[in-house]
Amino acid sequence: MQMNENGECRICGAMYDLSYEDDIKAHKALHKKLASGVQPRKIREFSKAFGWAVACNDGGLERLKSDYQNSDPEIGKLAVAFSWWNRALDYGVPVKDFDSYMEAHLKFIDVLSSENNDEVPNARRAIKKWEKFAG
């Protein structure tokens, strides 16, 4: 599972320490929920904030652009990856693939957002096995 430099899981946002059995168990339990279609709180809040801004058409999108939390590229990447995962669930992706699916798709999104065209073929190959679940 991908961790950032602060010890936070890139997929679920939880902080955990691999040297503690309780942390490992709690982290696996959280990923099990996410694999079933639950989204991390920061992704739900991101979706809700943008949904309300669009629904109300009251200048909310402009306000959200200045909100550092909602303009964090990592949250945007996660929102895309979780959207793809939910679509894949609808098309029968094995739930056991959640961690590897998310890691591969986040790397793919990283490459696409970096405009590093040399890495696109490798990143695309890494997600090919789940292509049939893309709808």
Protein backbone atom coordinates (compact mmCIF):
# COMPACT_ATOMS: atom_id res chain seq x y z
CA MET A 1 0.00 0.00 0.00
CA GLN A 2 1.25 3.43 -0.89
CA MET A 3 2.31 5.68 1.97
CA ASN A 4 3.42 9.27 1.64
CA GLU A 5 6.40 10.76 3.46
CA ASN A 6 4.27 11.42 6.56
CA GLY A 7 3.22 7.77 6.99
CA GLU A 8 -0.23 8.42 5.55
CA CYS A 9 -1.78 5.89 3.18
CA ARG A 10 -2.31 7.53 -0.17
CA ILE A 11 -5.48 5.54 -0.80
CA CYS A 12 -7.41 5.89 2.46
CA GLY A 13 -5.67 8.81 4.14
CA ALA A 14 -5.12 6.88 7.38
CA MET A 15 -1.93 7.22 9.36
CA TYR A 16 -0.53 3.89 10.39
CA ASP A 17 2.68 2.30 11.59
CA LEU A 18 3.64 -1.03 10.05
CA SER A 19 5.38 -2.03 13.28
CA TYR A 20 2.06 -2.16 15.18
CA GLU A 21 -0.21 -5.12 14.59
CA ASP A 22 -3.31 -3.13 15.63
CA ASP A 23 -2.50 -0.45 13.03
CA ILE A 24 -2.12 -3.07 10.34
CA LYS A 25 -5.44 -4.72 11.25
CA ALA A 26 -7.31 -1.41 11.38
CA HIS A 27 -5.82 -0.36 8.07
CA LYS A 28 -6.80 -3.62 6.37
CA ALA A 29 -10.34 -3.31 7.78
CA LEU A 30 -10.63 0.21 6.38
CA HIS A 31 -9.44 -0.93 2.95
CA LYS A 32 -11.99 -3.74 3.05
CA LYS A 33 -14.75 -1.13 3.47
CA LEU A 34 -13.30 1.00 0.68
CA ALA A 35 -13.11 -2.03 -1.60
CA SER A 36 -16.85 -2.54 -1.14
CA GLY A 37 -17.61 0.95 -2.44
CA VAL A 38 -17.29 3.21 0.61
CA GLN A 39 -15.29 6.36 -0.11
CA PRO A 40 -12.84 8.08 2.24
CA ARG A 41 -14.28 11.10 4.04
CA LYS A 42 -12.09 13.59 2.14
CA ILE A 43 -13.41 12.26 -1.18
CA ARG A 44 -17.03 12.40 0.01
CA GLU A 45 -16.50 15.97 1.23
CA PHE A 46 -14.80 16.91 -2.04
CA SER A 47 -17.71 15.52 -4.07
CA LYS A 48 -20.29 17.11 -1.82
CA ALA A 49 -18.61 20.55 -1.94
CA PHE A 50 -18.45 20.56 -5.71
CA GLY A 51 -21.92 19.08 -6.04
CA TRP A 52 -23.46 21.83 -3.93
CA ALA A 53 -21.46 24.52 -5.73
CA VAL A 54 -22.76 23.34 -9.09
CA ALA A 55 -26.31 22.68 -7.86
CA CYS A 56 -26.67 26.14 -6.32
CA ASN A 57 -24.85 28.00 -9.11
CA ASP A 58 -24.08 30.75 -6.60
CA GLY A 59 -20.39 31.35 -7.24
CA GLY A 60 -19.42 28.35 -5.18
CA LEU A 61 -17.05 27.01 -7.82
CA GLU A 62 -15.01 30.20 -7.63
CA ARG A 63 -14.93 30.00 -3.83
CA LEU A 64 -13.81 26.36 -4.01
CA LYS A 65 -10.93 27.24 -6.31
CA SER A 66 -9.43 29.32 -3.51
CA ASP A 67 -10.01 26.61 -0.89
CA TYR A 68 -6.64 24.86 -0.54
CA GLN A 69 -8.20 21.56 0.53
CA ASN A 70 -10.49 21.26 -2.45
CA SER A 71 -7.81 22.30 -4.93
CA ASP A 72 -5.28 19.74 -3.71
CA PRO A 73 -4.28 17.70 -6.79
CA GLU A 74 -4.05 14.55 -4.65
CA ILE A 75 -7.72 14.80 -3.68
CA GLY A 76 -8.63 15.25 -7.34
CA LYS A 77 -6.56 12.20 -8.30
CA LEU A 78 -8.21 10.13 -5.57
CA ALA A 79 -11.66 11.27 -6.66
CA VAL A 80 -10.94 10.03 -10.19
CA ALA A 81 -9.47 6.74 -8.96
CA PHE A 82 -12.41 6.06 -6.63
CA SER A 83 -14.85 6.90 -9.44
CA TRP A 84 -13.10 4.39 -11.66
CA TRP A 85 -13.12 1.80 -8.84
CA ASN A 86 -16.87 2.26 -8.29
CA ARG A 87 -17.51 1.82 -12.01
CA ALA A 88 -15.30 -1.30 -11.98
CA LEU A 89 -17.30 -2.67 -9.04
CA ASP A 90 -20.43 -2.22 -11.10
CA TYR A 91 -18.81 -4.28 -13.86
CA GLY A 92 -17.68 -7.09 -11.54
CA VAL A 93 -14.07 -6.32 -10.62
CA PRO A 94 -12.88 -8.72 -7.90
CA VAL A 95 -12.91 -6.88 -4.57
CA LYS A 96 -9.62 -8.57 -3.69
CA ASP A 97 -7.99 -6.45 -6.43
CA PHE A 98 -8.74 -3.17 -4.63
CA ASP A 99 -5.26 -2.29 -3.39
CA SER A 100 -3.41 -3.26 -6.56
CA TYR A 101 -6.10 -1.62 -8.72
CA MET A 102 -5.91 1.64 -6.80
CA GLU A 103 -2.11 1.72 -6.73
CA ALA A 104 -1.84 1.08 -10.48
CA HIS A 105 -4.57 3.57 -11.34
CA LEU A 106 -3.12 6.28 -9.08
CA LYS A 107 0.24 5.83 -10.81
CA PHE A 108 -1.54 6.08 -14.17
CA ILE A 109 -3.25 9.30 -13.05
CA ASP A 110 0.09 10.63 -11.79
CA VAL A 111 1.64 10.05 -15.20
CA LEU A 112 -1.28 11.62 -17.07
CA SER A 113 -1.33 14.67 -14.82
CA SER A 114 2.44 15.14 -15.06
CA GLU A 115 2.30 15.12 -18.87
CA ASN A 116 5.27 12.72 -18.85
CA ASN A 117 4.32 11.11 -22.15
CA ASP A 118 7.25 8.69 -22.05
CA GLU A 119 5.72 6.87 -19.07
CA VAL A 120 2.16 6.65 -20.40
CA PRO A 121 2.64 3.29 -22.19
CA ASN A 122 4.06 1.64 -19.04
CA ALA A 123 1.33 3.09 -16.84
CA ARG A 124 -1.32 2.00 -19.34
CA ARG A 125 0.09 -1.55 -19.39
CA ALA A 126 -0.10 -1.66 -15.59
CA ILE A 127 -3.87 -1.09 -15.66
CA LYS A 128 -4.63 -3.22 -18.73
CA LYS A 129 -5.75 -6.25 -16.71
CA TRP A 130 -8.74 -4.24 -15.41
CA GLU A 131 -9.73 -2.83 -18.80
CA LYS A 132 -12.76 -5.12 -19.07
CA PHE A 133 -14.20 -3.49 -15.91
CA ALA A 134 -14.04 0.03 -17.38
CA GLY A 135 -17.52 -0.13 -18.83
